């Protein structure tokens, strides 16, 4: 019984002792599992209805997404991580027009 309690306490302490980088890695892995449409919903819906890919040409999307990022930062909102920005752009560029 004592061994079980010691194991549980040790496991609990170890699971809480991640370095900050590990938490960022875990958050990145969770984000990578989300579908691109979910990533768009998460970030775009803070300000407006997520756009349809047909609203612009594939060549236009990168500058539009970057401009939206600037609006977020200017308004004190969280910055979209680079990996998620890339996923949003790729999704908008590859979705059927």
PDB file of N, CA and C in Angstrom:
ATOM      1  N   UNK A   1       0.831  -1.196   0.000  1.00  0.00           N
ATOM      2  CA  UNK A   1       0.000   0.000   0.000  1.00  0.00           C
ATOM      3  C   UNK A   1       0.872   1.255   0.000  1.00  0.00           C
ATOM      4  N   UNK A   2       1.922   1.273   0.841  1.00  0.00           N
ATOM      5  CA  UNK A   2       2.814   2.427   0.909  1.00  0.00           C
ATOM      6  C   UNK A   2       3.500   2.649  -0.429  1.00  0.00           C
ATOM      7  N   UNK A   3       3.875   1.568  -1.097  1.00  0.00           N
ATOM      8  CA  UNK A   3       4.547   1.694  -2.397  1.00  0.00           C
ATOM      9  C   UNK A   3       3.618   2.333  -3.422  1.00  0.00           C
ATOM     10  N   UNK A   4       2.346   1.999  -3.351  1.00  0.00           N
ATOM     11  CA  UNK A   4       1.382   2.577  -4.294  1.00  0.00           C
ATOM     12  C   UNK A   4       1.243   4.080  -4.055  1.00  0.00           C
ATOM     13  N   UNK A   5       1.155   4.484  -2.800  1.00  0.00           N
ATOM     14  CA  UNK A   5       1.026   5.903  -2.465  1.00  0.00           C
ATOM     15  C   UNK A   5       2.261   6.664  -2.908  1.00  0.00           C
ATOM     16  N   UNK A   6       3.452   6.116  -2.653  1.00  0.00           N
ATOM     17  CA  UNK A   6       4.701   6.764  -3.064  1.00  0.00           C
ATOM     18  C   UNK A   6       4.747   6.891  -4.580  1.00  0.00           C
ATOM     19  N   UNK A   7       4.342   5.854  -5.286  1.00  0.00           N
ATOM     20  CA  UNK A   7       4.322   5.893  -6.751  1.00  0.00           C
ATOM     21  C   UNK A   7       3.372   6.976  -7.248  1.00  0.00           C
ATOM     22  N   UNK A   8       2.182   7.047  -6.668  1.00  0.00           N
ATOM     23  CA  UNK A   8       1.192   8.024  -7.117  1.00  0.00           C
ATOM     24  C   UNK A   8       1.670   9.449  -6.857  1.00  0.00           C
ATOM     25  N   UNK A   9       2.268   9.693  -5.707  1.00  0.00           N
ATOM     26  CA  UNK A   9       2.778  11.027  -5.392  1.00  0.00           C
ATOM     27  C   UNK A   9       3.926  11.383  -6.324  1.00  0.00           C
ATOM     28  N   UNK A  10       4.839  10.451  -6.560  1.00  0.00           N
ATOM     29  CA  UNK A  10       5.969  10.692  -7.457  1.00  0.00           C
ATOM     30  C   UNK A  10       5.470  10.966  -8.872  1.00  0.00           C
ATOM     31  N   UNK A  11       4.525  10.192  -9.329  1.00  0.00           N
ATOM     32  CA  UNK A  11       3.985  10.391 -10.679  1.00  0.00           C
ATOM     33  C   UNK A  11       3.313  11.756 -10.789  1.00  0.00           C
ATOM     34  N   UNK A  12       2.613  12.169  -9.743  1.00  0.00           N
ATOM     35  CA  UNK A  12       1.960  13.470  -9.749  1.00  0.00           C
ATOM     36  C   UNK A  12       2.953  14.614  -9.781  1.00  0.00           C
ATOM     37  N   UNK A  13       4.030  14.501  -9.006  1.00  0.00           N
ATOM     38  CA  UNK A  13       5.055  15.539  -8.983  1.00  0.00           C
ATOM     39  C   UNK A  13       5.761  15.605 -10.331  1.00  0.00           C
ATOM     40  N   UNK A  14       6.100  14.459 -10.897  1.00  0.00           N
ATOM     41  CA  UNK A  14       6.780  14.447 -12.191  1.00  0.00           C
ATOM     42  C   UNK A  14       5.898  15.005 -13.295  1.00  0.00           C
ATOM     43  N   UNK A  15       4.616  14.722 -13.239  1.00  0.00           N
ATOM     44  CA  UNK A  15       3.736  15.227 -14.300  1.00  0.00           C
ATOM     45  C   UNK A  15       3.553  16.738 -14.219  1.00  0.00           C
ATOM     46  N   UNK A  16       3.802  17.330 -13.053  1.00  0.00           N
ATOM     47  CA  UNK A  16       3.661  18.776 -12.898  1.00  0.00           C
ATOM     48  C   UNK A  16       4.982  19.509 -13.060  1.00  0.00           C
ATOM     49  N   UNK A  17       6.069  18.804 -13.285  1.00  0.00           N
ATOM     50  CA  UNK A  17       7.370  19.450 -13.305  1.00  0.00           C
ATOM     51  C   UNK A  17       7.917  19.654 -14.710  1.00  0.00           C
ATOM     52  N   UNK A  18       7.039  19.826 -15.693  1.00  0.00           N
ATOM     53  CA  UNK A  18       7.469  20.095 -17.059  1.00  0.00           C
ATOM     54  C   UNK A  18       8.117  21.467 -17.133  1.00  0.00           C
ATOM     55  N   UNK A  19       9.081  21.592 -18.028  1.00  0.00           N
ATOM     56  CA  UNK A  19       9.643  22.896 -18.310  1.00  0.00           C
ATOM     57  C   UNK A  19       8.677  23.633 -19.219  1.00  0.00           C
ATOM     58  N   UNK A  20       8.802  24.969 -19.295  1.00  0.00           N
ATOM     59  CA  UNK A  20       7.902  25.760 -20.127  1.00  0.00           C
ATOM     60  C   UNK A  20       7.891  25.283 -21.565  1.00  0.00           C
ATOM     61  N   UNK A  21       9.037  24.902 -22.104  1.00  0.00           N
ATOM     62  CA  UNK A  21       9.112  24.435 -23.483  1.00  0.00           C
ATOM     63  C   UNK A  21       8.241  23.215 -23.718  1.00  0.00           C
ATOM     64  N   UNK A  22       8.161  22.348 -22.717  1.00  0.00           N
ATOM     65  CA  UNK A  22       7.334  21.154 -22.866  1.00  0.00           C
ATOM     66  C   UNK A  22       5.863  21.517 -22.974  1.00  0.00           C
ATOM     67  N   UNK A  23       5.433  22.523 -22.202  1.00  0.00           N
ATOM     68  CA  UNK A  23       4.041  22.943 -22.289  1.00  0.00           C
ATOM     69  C   UNK A  23       3.755  23.517 -23.671  1.00  0.00           C
ATOM     70  N   UNK A  24       4.690  24.289 -24.204  1.00  0.00           N
ATOM     71  CA  UNK A  24       4.513  24.850 -25.549  1.00  0.00           C
ATOM     72  C   UNK A  24       4.465  23.729 -26.578  1.00  0.00           C
ATOM     73  N   UNK A  25       5.329  22.712 -26.400  1.00  0.00           N
ATOM     74  CA  UNK A  25       5.321  21.575 -27.321  1.00  0.00           C
ATOM     75  C   UNK A  25       3.981  20.850 -27.261  1.00  0.00           C
ATOM     76  N   UNK A  26       3.455  20.663 -26.044  1.00  0.00           N
ATOM     77  CA  UNK A  26       2.172  19.987 -25.896  1.00  0.00           C
ATOM     78  C   UNK A  26       1.058  20.800 -26.532  1.00  0.00           C
ATOM     79  N   UNK A  27       1.078  22.112 -26.340  1.00  0.00           N
ATOM     80  CA  UNK A  27       0.059  22.970 -26.947  1.00  0.00           C
ATOM     81  C   UNK A  27       0.161  22.899 -28.468  1.00  0.00           C
ATOM     82  N   UNK A  28       1.381  22.877 -28.984  1.00  0.00           N
ATOM     83  CA  UNK A  28       1.585  22.771 -30.428  1.00  0.00           C
ATOM     84  C   UNK A  28       1.069  21.461 -30.972  1.00  0.00           C
ATOM     85  N   UNK A  29       1.288  20.374 -30.230  1.00  0.00           N
ATOM     86  CA  UNK A  29       0.792  19.071 -30.675  1.00  0.00           C
ATOM     87  C   UNK A  29      -0.729  19.041 -30.680  1.00  0.00           C
ATOM     88  N   UNK A  30      -1.346  19.655 -29.674  1.00  0.00           N
ATOM     89  CA  UNK A  30      -2.806  19.708 -29.621  1.00  0.00           C
ATOM     90  C   UNK A  30      -3.343  20.523 -30.794  1.00  0.00           C
ATOM     91  N   UNK A  31      -2.696  21.640 -31.088  1.00  0.00           N
ATOM     92  CA  UNK A  31      -3.130  22.487 -32.208  1.00  0.00           C
ATOM     93  C   UNK A  31      -2.982  21.745 -33.522  1.00  0.00           C
ATOM     94  N   UNK A  32      -1.928  20.958 -33.656  1.00  0.00           N
ATOM     95  CA  UNK A  32      -1.688  20.222 -34.897  1.00  0.00           C
ATOM     96  C   UNK A  32      -2.775  19.177 -35.140  1.00  0.00           C
ATOM     97  N   UNK A  33      -3.448  18.738 -34.090  1.00  0.00           N
ATOM     98  CA  UNK A  33      -4.498  17.739 -34.238  1.00  0.00           C
ATOM     99  C   UNK A  33      -5.817  18.353 -34.679  1.00  0.00           C
ATOM    100  N   UNK A  34      -5.954  19.671 -34.495  1.00  0.00           N
ATOM    101  CA  UNK A  34      -7.198  20.334 -34.915  1.00  0.00           C
ATOM    102  C   UNK A  34      -7.256  20.423 -36.429  1.00  0.00           C
ATOM    103  N   UNK A  35      -8.455  20.314 -36.961  1.00  0.00           N
ATOM    104  CA  UNK A  35      -8.654  20.473 -38.391  1.00  0.00           C
ATOM    105  C   UNK A  35      -8.434  21.935 -38.761  1.00  0.00           C
ATOM    106  N   UNK A  36      -7.953  22.209 -39.987  1.00  0.00           N
ATOM    107  CA  UNK A  36      -7.728  23.602 -40.398  1.00  0.00           C
ATOM    108  C   UNK A  36      -8.960  24.493 -40.233  1.00  0.00           C
ATOM    109  N   UNK A  37     -10.135  23.973 -40.511  1.00  0.00           N
ATOM    110  CA  UNK A  37     -11.353  24.776 -40.343  1.00  0.00           C
ATOM    111  C   UNK A  37     -11.563  25.142 -38.871  1.00  0.00           C
ATOM    112  N   UNK A  38     -11.179  24.252 -37.964  1.00  0.00           N
ATOM    113  CA  UNK A  38     -11.288  24.542 -36.531  1.00  0.00           C
ATOM    114  C   UNK A  38     -10.282  25.609 -36.120  1.00  0.00           C
ATOM    115  N   UNK A  39      -9.097  25.561 -36.713  1.00  0.00           N
ATOM    116  CA  UNK A  39      -8.074  26.576 -36.428  1.00  0.00           C
ATOM    117  C   UNK A  39      -8.578  27.940 -36.899  1.00  0.00           C
ATOM    118  N   UNK A  40      -9.156  27.986 -38.086  1.00  0.00           N
ATOM    119  CA  UNK A  40      -9.721  29.243 -38.590  1.00  0.00           C
ATOM    120  C   UNK A  40     -10.821  29.751 -37.672  1.00  0.00           C
ATOM    121  N   UNK A  41     -11.699  28.882 -37.270  1.00  0.00           N
ATOM    122  CA  UNK A  41     -12.803  29.272 -36.380  1.00  0.00           C
ATOM    123  C   UNK A  41     -12.235  29.855 -35.086  1.00  0.00           C
ATOM    124  N   UNK A  42     -11.237  29.207 -34.530  1.00  0.00           N
ATOM    125  CA  UNK A  42     -10.647  29.657 -33.269  1.00  0.00           C
ATOM    126  C   UNK A  42     -10.117  31.074 -33.374  1.00  0.00           C
ATOM    127  N   UNK A  43      -9.389  31.385 -34.441  1.00  0.00           N
ATOM    128  CA  UNK A  43      -8.723  32.682 -34.542  1.00  0.00           C
ATOM    129  C   UNK A  43      -9.543  33.737 -35.271  1.00  0.00           C
ATOM    130  N   UNK A  44     -10.216  33.393 -36.322  1.00  0.00           N
ATOM    131  CA  UNK A  44     -10.927  34.389 -37.138  1.00  0.00           C
ATOM    132  C   UNK A  44     -12.212  34.865 -36.464  1.00  0.00           C
ATOM    133  N   UNK A  45     -12.892  33.946 -35.788  1.00  0.00           N
ATOM    134  CA  UNK A  45     -14.194  34.272 -35.217  1.00  0.00           C
ATOM    135  C   UNK A  45     -14.103  35.239 -34.037  1.00  0.00           C
ATOM    136  N   UNK A  46     -12.898  35.543 -33.560  1.00  0.00           N
ATOM    137  CA  UNK A  46     -12.765  36.561 -32.524  1.00  0.00           C
ATOM    138  C   UNK A  46     -13.258  37.908 -33.029  1.00  0.00           C
ATOM    139  N   UNK A  47     -13.130  38.157 -34.343  1.00  0.00           N
ATOM    140  CA  UNK A  47     -13.459  39.464 -34.912  1.00  0.00           C
ATOM    141  C   UNK A  47     -14.562  39.426 -35.961  1.00  0.00           C
ATOM    142  N   UNK A  48     -14.670  38.324 -36.686  1.00  0.00           N
ATOM    143  CA  UNK A  48     -15.613  38.259 -37.796  1.00  0.00           C
ATOM    144  C   UNK A  48     -15.913  36.804 -38.139  1.00  0.00           C
ATOM    145  N   UNK A  49     -16.871  36.625 -39.003  1.00  0.00           N
ATOM    146  CA  UNK A  49     -17.194  35.280 -39.480  1.00  0.00           C
ATOM    147  C   UNK A  49     -15.996  34.775 -40.288  1.00  0.00           C
ATOM    148  N   UNK A  50     -15.543  33.550 -40.047  1.00  0.00           N
ATOM    149  CA  UNK A  50     -14.426  33.039 -40.846  1.00  0.00           C
ATOM    150  C   UNK A  50     -14.747  33.127 -42.340  1.00  0.00           C
ATOM    151  N   UNK A  51     -13.773  33.538 -43.130  1.00  0.00           N
ATOM    152  CA  UNK A  51     -14.021  33.770 -44.548  1.00  0.00           C
ATOM    153  C   UNK A  51     -14.152  32.478 -45.361  1.00  0.00           C
ATOM    154  N   UNK A  52     -14.765  32.629 -46.504  1.00  0.00           N
ATOM    155  CA  UNK A  52     -14.791  31.546 -47.485  1.00  0.00           C
ATOM    156  C   UNK A  52     -13.537  31.672 -48.333  1.00  0.00           C
ATOM    157  N   UNK A  53     -12.979  30.556 -48.729  1.00  0.00           N
ATOM    158  CA  UNK A  53     -11.770  30.613 -49.559  1.00  0.00           C
ATOM    159  C   UNK A  53     -12.037  31.311 -50.884  1.00  0.00           C
ATOM    160  N   UNK A  54     -13.275  31.259 -51.326  1.00  0.00           N
ATOM    161  CA  UNK A  54     -13.631  31.873 -52.609  1.00  0.00           C
ATOM    162  C   UNK A  54     -13.688  33.403 -52.552  1.00  0.00           C
ATOM    163  N   UNK A  55     -13.545  33.971 -51.363  1.00  0.00           N
ATOM    164  CA  UNK A  55     -13.559  35.438 -51.240  1.00  0.00           C
ATOM    165  C   UNK A  55     -12.346  36.077 -51.897  1.00  0.00           C
ATOM    166  N   UNK A  56     -11.255  35.318 -52.010  1.00  0.00           N
ATOM    167  CA  UNK A  56     -10.011  35.844 -52.580  1.00  0.00           C
ATOM    168  C   UNK A  56      -9.295  34.741 -53.349  1.00  0.00           C
ATOM    169  N   UNK A  57      -8.321  35.140 -54.141  1.00  0.00           N
ATOM    170  CA  UNK A  57      -7.518  34.158 -54.877  1.00  0.00           C
ATOM    171  C   UNK A  57      -6.479  33.563 -53.932  1.00  0.00           C
ATOM    172  N   UNK A  58      -5.949  32.392 -54.265  1.00  0.00           N
ATOM    173  CA  UNK A  58      -4.897  31.808 -53.427  1.00  0.00           C
ATOM    174  C   UNK A  58      -3.713  32.755 -53.215  1.00  0.00           C
ATOM    175  N   UNK A  59      -3.355  33.528 -54.223  1.00  0.00           N
ATOM    176  CA  UNK A  59      -2.217  34.441 -54.106  1.00  0.00           C
ATOM    177  C   UNK A  59      -2.493  35.590 -53.131  1.00  0.00           C
ATOM    178  N   UNK A  60      -3.744  35.935 -52.943  1.00  0.00           N
ATOM    179  CA  UNK A  60      -4.090  37.049 -52.052  1.00  0.00           C
ATOM    180  C   UNK A  60      -4.102  36.667 -50.572  1.00  0.00           C
ATOM    181  N   UNK A  61      -4.347  35.393 -50.274  1.00  0.00           N
ATOM    182  CA  UNK A  61      -4.552  34.995 -48.881  1.00  0.00           C
ATOM    183  C   UNK A  61      -3.379  35.274 -47.949  1.00  0.00           C
ATOM    184  N   UNK A  62      -2.133  35.028 -48.312  1.00  0.00           N
ATOM    185  CA  UNK A  62      -1.060  35.272 -47.340  1.00  0.00           C
ATOM    186  C   UNK A  62      -1.053  36.707 -46.800  1.00  0.00           C
ATOM    187  N   UNK A  63      -1.161  37.702 -47.664  1.00  0.00           N
ATOM    188  CA  UNK A  63      -1.121  39.088 -47.187  1.00  0.00           C
ATOM    189  C   UNK A  63      -2.357  39.434 -46.368  1.00  0.00           C
ATOM    190  N   UNK A  64      -3.494  38.836 -46.690  1.00  0.00           N
ATOM    191  CA  UNK A  64      -4.723  39.089 -45.929  1.00  0.00           C
ATOM    192  C   UNK A  64      -4.592  38.528 -44.516  1.00  0.00           C
ATOM    193  N   UNK A  65      -4.099  37.312 -44.407  1.00  0.00           N
ATOM    194  CA  UNK A  65      -3.944  36.695 -43.087  1.00  0.00           C
ATOM    195  C   UNK A  65      -2.922  37.476 -42.258  1.00  0.00           C
ATOM    196  N   UNK A  66      -1.841  37.914 -42.865  1.00  0.00           N
ATOM    197  CA  UNK A  66      -0.845  38.732 -42.157  1.00  0.00           C
ATOM    198  C   UNK A  66      -1.480  40.047 -41.696  1.00  0.00           C
ATOM    199  N   UNK A  67      -2.294  40.654 -42.541  1.00  0.00           N
ATOM    200  CA  UNK A  67      -2.976  41.904 -42.169  1.00  0.00           C
ATOM    201  C   UNK A  67      -3.907  41.671 -40.982  1.00  0.00           C
ATOM    202  N   UNK A  68      -4.615  40.545 -40.969  1.00  0.00           N
ATOM    203  CA  UNK A  68      -5.496  40.226 -39.848  1.00  0.00           C
ATOM    204  C   UNK A  68      -4.691  40.039 -38.560  1.00  0.00           C
ATOM    205  N   UNK A  69      -3.515  39.447 -38.693  1.00  0.00           N
ATOM    206  CA  UNK A  69      -2.636  39.281 -37.535  1.00  0.00           C
ATOM    207  C   UNK A  69      -2.263  40.651 -36.964  1.00  0.00           C
ATOM    208  N   UNK A  70      -1.933  41.592 -37.832  1.00  0.00           N
ATOM    209  CA  UNK A  70      -1.592  42.943 -37.381  1.00  0.00           C
ATOM    210  C   UNK A  70      -2.773  43.587 -36.650  1.00  0.00           C
ATOM    211  N   UNK A  71      -3.979  43.389 -37.163  1.00  0.00           N
ATOM    212  CA  UNK A  71      -5.173  43.931 -36.494  1.00  0.00           C
ATOM    213  C   UNK A  71      -5.320  43.332 -35.099  1.00  0.00           C
ATOM    214  N   UNK A  72      -5.078  42.025 -34.983  1.00  0.00           N
ATOM    215  CA  UNK A  72      -5.179  41.364 -33.677  1.00  0.00           C
ATOM    216  C   UNK A  72      -4.209  41.987 -32.691  1.00  0.00           C
ATOM    217  N   UNK A  73      -2.958  42.128 -33.108  1.00  0.00           N
ATOM    218  CA  UNK A  73      -1.915  42.663 -32.223  1.00  0.00           C
ATOM    219  C   UNK A  73      -2.239  44.111 -31.845  1.00  0.00           C
ATOM    220  N   UNK A  74      -2.639  44.916 -32.831  1.00  0.00           N
ATOM    221  CA  UNK A  74      -2.981  46.321 -32.571  1.00  0.00           C
ATOM    222  C   UNK A  74      -4.119  46.453 -31.565  1.00  0.00           C
ATOM    223  N   UNK A  75      -5.008  45.490 -31.542  1.00  0.00           N
ATOM    224  CA  UNK A  75      -6.154  45.536 -30.638  1.00  0.00           C
ATOM    225  C   UNK A  75      -5.929  44.757 -29.343  1.00  0.00           C
ATOM    226  N   UNK A  76      -4.685  44.389 -29.087  1.00  0.00           N
ATOM    227  CA  UNK A  76      -4.342  43.725 -27.831  1.00  0.00           C
ATOM    228  C   UNK A  76      -4.787  42.282 -27.720  1.00  0.00           C
ATOM    229  N   UNK A  77      -5.058  41.667 -28.844  1.00  0.00           N
ATOM    230  CA  UNK A  77      -5.487  40.270 -28.847  1.00  0.00           C
ATOM    231  C   UNK A  77      -4.274  39.352 -28.987  1.00  0.00           C
ATOM    232  N   UNK A  78      -4.456  38.102 -28.652  1.00  0.00           N
ATOM    233  CA  UNK A  78      -3.377  37.122 -28.754  1.00  0.00           C
ATOM    234  C   UNK A  78      -2.924  36.982 -30.206  1.00  0.00           C
ATOM    235  N   UNK A  79      -1.631  36.837 -30.355  1.00  0.00           N
ATOM    236  CA  UNK A  79      -1.045  36.636 -31.679  1.00  0.00           C
ATOM    237  C   UNK A  79      -1.288  35.189 -32.113  1.00  0.00           C
ATOM    238  N   UNK A  80      -1.633  35.012 -33.367  1.00  0.00           N
ATOM    239  CA  UNK A  80      -1.809  33.667 -33.917  1.00  0.00           C
ATOM    240  C   UNK A  80      -0.417  33.059 -34.080  1.00  0.00           C
ATOM    241  N   UNK A  81      -0.170  31.881 -33.529  1.00  0.00           N
ATOM    242  CA  UNK A  81       1.139  31.246 -33.705  1.00  0.00           C
ATOM    243  C   UNK A  81       1.450  31.034 -35.192  1.00  0.00           C
ATOM    244  N   UNK A  82       2.727  31.149 -35.541  1.00  0.00           N
ATOM    245  CA  UNK A  82       3.152  31.017 -36.935  1.00  0.00           C
ATOM    246  C   UNK A  82       2.672  29.719 -37.576  1.00  0.00           C
ATOM    247  N   UNK A  83       2.751  28.623 -36.833  1.00  0.00           N
ATOM    248  CA  UNK A  83       2.333  27.336 -37.408  1.00  0.00           C
ATOM    249  C   UNK A  83       0.844  27.340 -37.735  1.00  0.00           C
ATOM    250  N   UNK A  84       0.041  28.000 -36.902  1.00  0.00           N
ATOM    251  CA  UNK A  84      -1.395  28.043 -37.162  1.00  0.00           C
ATOM    252  C   UNK A  84      -1.700  29.022 -38.292  1.00  0.00           C
ATOM    253  N   UNK A  85      -0.924  30.106 -38.395  1.00  0.00           N
ATOM    254  CA  UNK A  85      -1.107  31.016 -39.530  1.00  0.00           C
ATOM    255  C   UNK A  85      -0.834  30.281 -40.835  1.00  0.00           C
ATOM    256  N   UNK A  86       0.230  29.483 -40.853  1.00  0.00           N
ATOM    257  CA  UNK A  86       0.564  28.701 -42.052  1.00  0.00           C
ATOM    258  C   UNK A  86      -0.564  27.734 -42.403  1.00  0.00           C
ATOM    259  N   UNK A  87      -1.146  27.108 -41.391  1.00  0.00           N
ATOM    260  CA  UNK A  87      -2.246  26.173 -41.642  1.00  0.00           C
ATOM    261  C   UNK A  87      -3.471  26.892 -42.184  1.00  0.00           C
ATOM    262  N   UNK A  88      -3.758  28.078 -41.657  1.00  0.00           N
ATOM    263  CA  UNK A  88      -4.901  28.858 -42.138  1.00  0.00           C
ATOM    264  C   UNK A  88      -4.686  29.246 -43.591  1.00  0.00           C
ATOM    265  N   UNK A  89      -3.502  29.766 -43.896  1.00  0.00           N
ATOM    266  CA  UNK A  89      -3.196  30.185 -45.267  1.00  0.00           C
ATOM    267  C   UNK A  89      -3.277  29.005 -46.221  1.00  0.00           C
ATOM    268  N   UNK A  90      -2.664  27.905 -45.858  1.00  0.00           N
ATOM    269  CA  UNK A  90      -2.695  26.705 -46.716  1.00  0.00           C
ATOM    270  C   UNK A  90      -4.119  26.237 -46.965  1.00  0.00           C
ATOM    271  N   UNK A  91      -4.912  26.245 -45.908  1.00  0.00           N
ATOM    272  CA  UNK A  91      -6.310  25.817 -46.037  1.00  0.00           C
ATOM    273  C   UNK A  91      -7.063  26.738 -46.995  1.00  0.00           C
ATOM    274  N   UNK A  92      -6.910  28.035 -46.823  1.00  0.00           N
ATOM    275  CA  UNK A  92      -7.624  28.985 -47.686  1.00  0.00           C
ATOM    276  C   UNK A  92      -7.148  28.885 -49.135  1.00  0.00           C
ATOM    277  N   UNK A  93      -5.863  28.631 -49.325  1.00  0.00           N
ATOM    278  CA  UNK A  93      -5.323  28.525 -50.676  1.00  0.00           C
ATOM    279  C   UNK A  93      -5.719  27.232 -51.375  1.00  0.00           C
ATOM    280  N   UNK A  94      -5.907  26.171 -50.603  1.00  0.00           N
ATOM    281  CA  UNK A  94      -6.169  24.872 -51.211  1.00  0.00           C
ATOM    282  C   UNK A  94      -7.648  24.507 -51.276  1.00  0.00           C
ATOM    283  N   UNK A  95      -8.467  25.251 -50.577  1.00  0.00           N
ATOM    284  CA  UNK A  95      -9.905  24.962 -50.627  1.00  0.00           C
ATOM    285  C   UNK A  95     -10.457  25.340 -51.985  1.00  0.00           C
ATOM    286  N   UNK A  96     -11.430  24.590 -52.450  1.00  0.00           N
ATOM    287  CA  UNK A  96     -12.009  24.885 -53.781  1.00  0.00           C
ATOM    288  C   UNK A  96     -12.625  26.284 -53.813  1.00  0.00           C
ATOM    289  N   UNK A  97     -12.459  26.946 -54.931  1.00  0.00           N
ATOM    290  CA  UNK A  97     -13.023  28.290 -55.093  1.00  0.00           C
ATOM    291  C   UNK A  97     -14.496  28.227 -55.394  1.00  0.00           C
TER     292      UNK A  97
END
